Amino acid sequence: MLNQFFAPSPMLDNFLTVPILLPAVIFAMVASITPGPNNMMLLASGVNFGIRRTIPHLLGITVGFFLLLLVVGSGLGFIFQTYPLLQLFLMIISTLYLLWLAWHIAFQPIAADANSPPTSPRPGSVARPMTHFAAILFQWINPKAWVIAIGYFSDYIPAHINGFALLLAALLFALINLPCVFVWAVLGANLSRWLQSRRKMMWFNRSVGLLLAVSLLPILISLPAAITMTLSQLRY
């Protein structure tokens, strides 16, 4: 097993060169720093809970995406080509979940004052940021994460690399992803200084929820065509 993992790969030397690494690094940076479900959630979490309580969430994003990269890079991402119905199912479930999440962020309970934690609709409890484990699991239903992972290995990483090179490629992306998502949590924590009133916090949360919903528009627009294409493939 270890011999296969570290087996010489004719593409490994090419992978470790600047012409290959530089585009991969730029792609990872742009994909990680641009707005999306993860970054919108971190922005809202930074505002509502602060940096310290958001750290498990942002670490979970990086760890979860690292694991997703390993799975996609191992070739399991192409299972969608064999079972298109599975891809359609994942697209629908993830879109519905993200729409619910947008609603949850938009109407998130707000603390009575800046020094109090946000209250939950349930009496005697308080709202909590996303946990480390929940953030890891979220990557598997995040459509942007799947698109990025598949694009990363299909367009920027040489084919037929061995297990060690695959690990390096996934680790490279994860190391770039962590500081990029951290920026959004810091931005949220700094914004909280100007969102001391309940009214401002309410409109901020609703704006972030709306932005998260708007980010799903490309998926919602392409969904009818995806359903039609999948059904036509199943007929044959």
Protein backbone atom coordinates (compact mmCIF):
# COMPACT_ATOMS: atom_id res chain seq x y z
CA MET A 1 0.00 0.00 0.00
CA LEU A 2 2.75 2.47 0.98
CA ASN A 3 4.79 1.52 -2.07
CA GLN A 4 1.86 2.43 -4.30
CA PHE A 5 1.29 5.66 -2.39
CA PHE A 6 4.89 6.80 -2.88
CA ALA A 7 5.36 5.11 -6.27
CA PRO A 8 7.25 7.27 -8.77
CA SER A 9 4.94 9.27 -10.97
CA PRO A 10 6.06 10.67 -14.33
CA MET A 11 3.92 13.74 -13.63
CA LEU A 12 5.23 14.45 -10.11
CA ASP A 13 8.27 16.42 -11.27
CA ASN A 14 6.08 18.49 -13.59
CA PHE A 15 3.65 19.17 -10.75
CA LEU A 16 6.40 20.65 -8.59
CA THR A 17 7.38 23.27 -11.15
CA VAL A 18 6.45 26.96 -11.22
CA PRO A 19 4.44 26.78 -14.50
CA ILE A 20 2.12 24.24 -12.85
CA LEU A 21 2.10 25.51 -9.28
CA LEU A 22 1.62 29.22 -9.98
CA PRO A 23 -1.73 28.88 -11.84
CA ALA A 24 -2.89 26.38 -9.19
CA VAL A 25 -1.99 28.81 -6.39
CA ILE A 26 -3.75 31.71 -8.11
CA PHE A 27 -6.86 29.59 -8.71
CA ALA A 28 -6.91 28.43 -5.08
CA MET A 29 -6.55 32.01 -3.83
CA VAL A 30 -9.28 33.42 -6.06
CA ALA A 31 -11.66 30.52 -5.37
CA SER A 32 -11.12 30.81 -1.61
CA ILE A 33 -11.36 34.58 -1.20
CA THR A 34 -14.37 35.29 -3.45
CA PRO A 35 -17.89 35.39 -1.95
CA GLY A 36 -19.70 32.09 -1.56
CA PRO A 37 -21.70 30.14 1.02
CA ASN A 38 -18.71 29.55 3.32
CA ASN A 39 -17.49 33.14 3.28
CA MET A 40 -20.95 34.63 3.72
CA MET A 41 -21.50 32.37 6.74
CA LEU A 42 -18.12 33.32 8.21
CA LEU A 43 -18.88 37.01 7.71
CA ALA A 44 -22.16 36.64 9.59
CA SER A 45 -20.54 34.50 12.29
CA GLY A 46 -17.76 37.04 12.80
CA VAL A 47 -20.33 39.80 13.27
CA ASN A 48 -22.61 37.84 15.58
CA PHE A 49 -20.10 35.77 17.59
CA GLY A 50 -16.62 37.28 17.14
CA ILE A 51 -13.35 35.76 15.95
CA ARG A 52 -12.67 33.39 18.84
CA ARG A 53 -16.03 31.61 18.66
CA THR A 54 -15.83 31.46 14.83
CA ILE A 55 -12.42 29.71 14.73
CA PRO A 56 -13.85 26.14 14.94
CA HIS A 57 -16.14 27.03 12.02
CA LEU A 58 -13.37 28.33 9.77
CA LEU A 59 -11.03 25.45 10.65
CA GLY A 60 -13.85 23.04 9.81
CA ILE A 61 -14.20 24.64 6.38
CA THR A 62 -10.52 24.12 5.56
CA VAL A 63 -10.38 20.57 6.96
CA GLY A 64 -13.62 19.57 5.25
CA PHE A 65 -12.54 20.97 1.91
CA PHE A 66 -9.15 19.28 2.25
CA LEU A 67 -10.91 15.92 2.67
CA LEU A 68 -13.20 16.70 -0.28
CA LEU A 69 -10.15 17.46 -2.44
CA LEU A 70 -8.62 14.10 -1.54
CA VAL A 71 -11.82 12.31 -2.54
CA VAL A 72 -12.22 14.20 -5.83
CA GLY A 73 -8.52 13.90 -6.64
CA SER A 74 -8.69 10.15 -6.09
CA GLY A 75 -11.10 9.95 -9.01
CA LEU A 76 -14.30 9.51 -7.05
CA GLY A 77 -15.53 12.84 -8.35
CA PHE A 78 -16.12 11.18 -11.72
CA ILE A 79 -18.79 9.00 -10.13
CA PHE A 80 -21.19 11.75 -11.18
CA GLN A 81 -20.49 10.89 -14.81
CA THR A 82 -21.50 7.30 -14.16
CA TYR A 83 -24.49 8.14 -11.97
CA PRO A 84 -25.91 11.50 -13.16
CA LEU A 85 -28.96 11.05 -10.97
CA LEU A 86 -26.69 11.22 -7.91
CA GLN A 87 -25.32 14.57 -9.06
CA LEU A 88 -28.81 15.93 -9.62
CA PHE A 89 -29.92 14.70 -6.19
CA LEU A 90 -26.93 16.37 -4.52
CA MET A 91 -27.58 19.61 -6.42
CA ILE A 92 -31.23 19.75 -5.33
CA ILE A 93 -30.57 18.82 -1.69
CA SER A 94 -27.66 21.24 -1.33
CA THR A 95 -29.61 24.09 -2.95
CA LEU A 96 -32.60 23.57 -0.66
CA TYR A 97 -30.33 23.43 2.37
CA LEU A 98 -28.50 26.62 1.38
CA LEU A 99 -31.79 28.43 0.82
CA TRP A 100 -32.87 27.38 4.30
CA LEU A 101 -29.49 28.52 5.63
CA ALA A 102 -29.93 31.92 3.93
CA TRP A 103 -33.31 32.28 5.65
CA HIS A 104 -31.77 31.21 8.98
CA ILE A 105 -29.00 33.82 8.72
CA ALA A 106 -31.42 36.54 7.59
CA PHE A 107 -33.74 36.03 10.56
CA GLN A 108 -31.11 35.02 13.10
CA PRO A 109 -32.02 36.09 16.65
CA ILE A 110 -30.22 39.25 17.80
CA ALA A 111 -28.93 40.06 21.25
CA ALA A 112 -30.65 42.75 23.25
CA ASP A 113 -27.36 44.64 23.47
CA ALA A 114 -23.83 44.37 22.13
CA ASN A 115 -22.50 42.57 25.24
CA SER A 116 -25.11 39.82 25.23
CA PRO A 117 -25.03 36.64 23.13
CA PRO A 118 -27.73 36.28 20.48
CA THR A 119 -30.80 34.60 21.93
CA SER A 120 -32.37 31.52 20.41
CA PRO A 121 -36.09 31.13 19.75
CA ARG A 122 -36.07 28.41 22.42
CA PRO A 123 -36.47 29.86 25.93
CA GLY A 124 -33.35 29.67 28.11
CA SER A 125 -30.93 28.97 25.24
CA VAL A 126 -28.60 31.08 23.13
CA ALA A 127 -27.67 30.96 19.46
CA ARG A 128 -24.35 29.27 18.70
CA PRO A 129 -21.91 29.45 15.78
CA MET A 130 -21.46 26.46 13.49
CA THR A 131 -19.32 23.76 15.07
CA HIS A 132 -16.08 22.37 13.65
CA PHE A 133 -17.68 19.03 12.72
CA ALA A 134 -20.75 20.66 11.16
CA ALA A 135 -18.50 22.88 9.00
CA ILE A 136 -16.60 19.78 7.82
CA LEU A 137 -19.83 18.05 6.83
CA PHE A 138 -21.17 21.19 5.17
CA GLN A 139 -18.46 21.05 2.49
CA TRP A 140 -19.96 17.85 1.11
CA ILE A 141 -23.24 19.56 0.26
CA ASN A 142 -21.71 22.89 -0.76
CA PRO A 143 -22.08 23.14 -4.56
CA LYS A 144 -19.32 25.76 -4.85
CA ALA A 145 -16.91 23.43 -3.02
CA TRP A 146 -17.64 20.59 -5.48
CA VAL A 147 -17.22 22.85 -8.51
CA ILE A 148 -13.92 24.20 -7.18
CA ALA A 149 -12.57 20.76 -6.27
CA ILE A 150 -13.41 19.24 -9.65
CA GLY A 151 -12.07 22.27 -11.53
CA TYR A 152 -8.86 22.27 -9.49
CA PHE A 153 -7.95 18.70 -10.39
CA SER A 154 -9.26 18.73 -13.95
CA ASP A 155 -7.70 22.04 -15.02
CA TYR A 156 -4.68 22.72 -12.80
CA ILE A 157 -3.28 19.44 -11.49
CA PRO A 158 -1.61 16.92 -13.85
CA ALA A 159 -3.39 13.62 -14.32
CA HIS A 160 -2.01 10.27 -13.09
CA ILE A 161 -0.14 11.68 -10.07
CA ASN A 162 0.62 9.29 -7.22
CA GLY A 163 -0.90 9.44 -3.74
CA PHE A 164 1.87 11.61 -2.31
CA ALA A 165 1.46 14.23 -5.05
CA LEU A 166 -2.32 14.14 -4.52
CA LEU A 167 -1.77 14.82 -0.83
CA LEU A 168 0.55 17.73 -1.67
CA ALA A 169 -1.97 19.20 -4.11
CA ALA A 170 -4.79 19.04 -1.55
CA LEU A 171 -2.54 20.41 1.19
CA LEU A 172 -1.43 23.29 -1.03
CA PHE A 173 -5.04 24.36 -1.56
CA ALA A 174 -5.88 23.97 2.14
CA LEU A 175 -2.93 26.13 3.22
CA ILE A 176 -4.09 28.87 0.85
CA ASN A 177 -7.74 28.47 1.80
CA LEU A 178 -7.24 28.95 5.56
CA PRO A 179 -5.98 32.57 5.55
CA CYS A 180 -8.47 33.49 2.82
CA VAL A 181 -11.51 32.36 4.79
CA PHE A 182 -10.00 33.87 7.94
CA VAL A 183 -10.18 37.28 6.23
CA TRP A 184 -13.98 37.03 6.07
CA ALA A 185 -14.27 36.18 9.77
CA VAL A 186 -12.00 39.13 10.65
CA LEU A 187 -14.04 41.39 8.39
CA GLY A 188 -17.19 40.35 10.19
CA ALA A 189 -15.67 40.90 13.63
CA ASN A 190 -14.56 44.41 12.61
CA LEU A 191 -17.96 45.22 11.15
CA SER A 192 -19.58 44.39 14.47
CA ARG A 193 -18.10 47.61 15.91
CA TRP A 194 -20.40 49.58 13.60
CA LEU A 195 -23.39 47.31 14.13
CA GLN A 196 -24.07 47.91 17.80
CA SER A 197 -27.79 48.57 17.45
CA ARG A 198 -30.33 45.79 17.00
CA ARG A 199 -31.71 47.49 13.90
CA LYS A 200 -28.32 47.64 12.15
CA MET A 201 -27.57 44.03 13.09
CA MET A 202 -30.97 42.93 11.80
CA TRP A 203 -30.42 44.57 8.40
CA PHE A 204 -26.89 43.20 8.20
CA ASN A 205 -28.06 39.63 8.79
CA ARG A 206 -30.84 40.01 6.25
CA SER A 207 -28.41 41.45 3.69
CA VAL A 208 -26.01 38.52 4.15
CA GLY A 209 -28.88 36.04 3.91
CA LEU A 210 -30.01 37.70 0.70
CA LEU A 211 -26.47 37.62 -0.74
CA LEU A 212 -26.22 33.91 0.07
CA ALA A 213 -29.52 33.28 -1.70
CA VAL A 214 -28.44 35.37 -4.70
CA SER A 215 -25.21 33.36 -4.96
CA LEU A 216 -27.41 30.33 -5.71
CA LEU A 217 -29.02 31.94 -8.76
CA PRO A 218 -26.66 30.26 -11.29
CA ILE A 219 -27.57 26.87 -9.81
CA LEU A 220 -31.29 27.64 -9.75
CA ILE A 221 -31.17 28.85 -13.37
CA SER A 222 -29.31 25.74 -14.54
CA LEU A 223 -31.46 23.32 -12.52
CA PRO A 224 -34.27 22.83 -15.11
CA ALA A 225 -31.71 22.05 -17.82
CA ALA A 226 -29.88 19.68 -15.48
CA ILE A 227 -33.11 17.83 -14.70
CA THR A 228 -33.97 17.53 -18.40
CA MET A 229 -30.48 16.30 -19.29
CA THR A 230 -30.42 13.75 -16.46
CA LEU A 231 -33.83 12.35 -17.38
CA SER A 232 -32.77 12.05 -21.03
CA GLN A 233 -29.62 10.16 -20.00
CA LEU A 234 -31.65 7.77 -17.85
CA ARG A 235 -33.86 6.90 -20.84
CA TYR A 236 -30.84 5.64 -22.73
